[in-house]
Amino acid sequence: MNSPRVLIMLLVVSVALAQKAIPPGVRQADKAEAQTEKNVPPPTEPARPADMTKLKRDADQLAGLAQSIPADLDNVQKGKLPKDLIEKLKQIEKLSKLLRHEITR
């Protein structure tokens, strides 16, 4: 008589252990992760810039302008403002934005 009770008790315990409770936040996190993965576009290879010689020329010009700035700043420190300093800085900004845009597109 005792044997069927033990058998039923073991069966109930084994079923309870097999049905592990999932914490409430885990299901939400799994759903959110799956949704996020759907919304993320696959990585793409950046397109190569069409005109590498122009980019090289612009980069060389940018380097030349940047190298001339310390000497101009020495003159500013002495109280002399070179009239082309502001234009050089604007050109540096323009070239750097252009290069960044062309490389990252």
Protein backbone atom coordinates (compact mmCIF):
# COMPACT_ATOMS: atom_id res chain seq x y z
CA MET A 1 0.00 0.00 0.00
CA ASN A 2 2.79 2.37 0.81
CA SER A 3 4.45 1.78 -2.55
CA PRO A 4 1.79 3.53 -4.73
CA ARG A 5 1.90 6.62 -2.47
CA VAL A 6 5.66 6.83 -2.76
CA LEU A 7 5.45 6.33 -6.48
CA ILE A 8 2.84 9.09 -6.84
CA MET A 9 4.88 11.39 -4.60
CA LEU A 10 8.01 10.79 -6.70
CA LEU A 11 6.03 11.43 -9.86
CA VAL A 12 4.68 14.75 -8.53
CA VAL A 13 8.12 15.87 -7.37
CA SER A 14 9.76 14.95 -10.69
CA VAL A 15 7.06 16.83 -12.65
CA ALA A 16 7.48 19.89 -10.40
CA LEU A 17 11.24 19.88 -10.90
CA ALA A 18 10.89 19.47 -14.67
CA GLN A 19 8.66 22.56 -14.87
CA LYS A 20 11.16 25.06 -13.57
CA ALA A 21 9.55 28.44 -13.04
CA ILE A 22 10.93 31.16 -15.30
CA PRO A 23 11.35 34.49 -13.51
CA PRO A 24 8.95 37.12 -14.91
CA GLY A 25 11.64 39.46 -16.28
CA VAL A 26 13.41 36.77 -18.29
CA ARG A 27 10.59 36.36 -20.80
CA GLN A 28 10.37 40.13 -21.28
CA ALA A 29 14.12 40.38 -21.72
CA ASP A 30 14.09 37.59 -24.30
CA LYS A 31 11.29 39.29 -26.23
CA ALA A 32 13.06 42.68 -26.09
CA GLU A 33 16.34 41.14 -27.28
CA ALA A 34 14.61 39.38 -30.17
CA GLN A 35 12.87 42.64 -31.16
CA THR A 36 16.14 44.59 -30.98
CA GLU A 37 17.89 42.05 -33.19
CA LYS A 38 15.12 42.46 -35.77
CA ASN A 39 15.56 46.27 -35.79
CA VAL A 40 19.34 46.28 -36.22
CA PRO A 41 20.36 46.33 -39.89
CA PRO A 42 23.12 43.95 -40.93
CA PRO A 43 26.58 45.50 -41.07
CA THR A 44 27.59 46.69 -44.50
CA GLU A 45 30.94 47.31 -46.06
CA PRO A 46 31.65 51.02 -46.46
CA ALA A 47 31.73 52.10 -50.08
CA ARG A 48 35.17 52.94 -51.33
CA PRO A 49 35.58 56.61 -52.16
CA ALA A 50 35.34 57.15 -55.88
CA ASP A 51 38.32 59.47 -56.24
CA MET A 52 41.25 58.44 -54.05
CA THR A 53 43.62 60.90 -55.74
CA LYS A 54 41.38 63.83 -54.76
CA LEU A 55 41.17 62.55 -51.19
CA LYS A 56 44.96 62.21 -51.06
CA ARG A 57 45.36 65.75 -52.41
CA ASP A 58 42.88 67.09 -49.82
CA ALA A 59 44.65 65.21 -47.03
CA ASP A 60 48.02 66.64 -48.11
CA GLN A 61 46.55 70.14 -48.20
CA LEU A 62 45.05 69.63 -44.75
CA ALA A 63 48.41 68.46 -43.40
CA GLY A 64 50.19 71.48 -44.89
CA LEU A 65 47.69 73.91 -43.41
CA ALA A 66 47.87 72.23 -40.02
CA GLN A 67 51.67 72.47 -40.01
CA SER A 68 51.55 76.21 -40.67
CA ILE A 69 49.29 76.96 -37.68
CA PRO A 70 51.93 76.77 -34.88
CA ALA A 71 54.06 79.47 -36.55
CA ASP A 72 50.98 81.67 -36.94
CA LEU A 73 50.13 81.15 -33.27
CA ASP A 74 53.63 82.28 -32.32
CA ASN A 75 52.89 85.54 -34.14
CA VAL A 76 49.54 85.83 -32.33
CA GLN A 77 51.37 85.43 -29.03
CA LYS A 78 53.63 88.32 -30.06
CA GLY A 79 50.55 90.46 -30.73
CA LYS A 80 50.47 90.08 -34.52
CA LEU A 81 47.41 88.43 -36.07
CA PRO A 82 48.23 86.95 -39.48
CA LYS A 83 45.44 87.99 -41.82
CA ASP A 84 45.09 84.52 -43.34
CA LEU A 85 45.00 82.59 -40.03
CA ILE A 86 41.20 82.60 -39.76
CA GLU A 87 40.88 81.50 -43.39
CA LYS A 88 43.39 78.68 -42.80
CA LEU A 89 41.41 77.47 -39.80
CA LYS A 90 38.17 77.56 -41.78
CA GLN A 91 39.83 75.64 -44.61
CA ILE A 92 41.15 73.05 -42.14
CA GLU A 93 37.65 72.58 -40.77
CA LYS A 94 36.16 72.30 -44.26
CA LEU A 95 38.75 69.76 -45.44
CA SER A 96 38.48 67.64 -42.31
CA LYS A 97 34.68 67.48 -42.62
CA LEU A 98 34.95 66.61 -46.30
CA LEU A 99 37.47 63.83 -45.65
CA ARG A 100 35.44 62.43 -42.76
CA HIS A 101 32.29 62.41 -44.88
CA GLU A 102 33.98 60.77 -47.88
CA ILE A 103 35.65 58.08 -45.78
CA THR A 104 32.58 57.13 -43.75
CA ARG A 105 30.03 57.00 -46.55
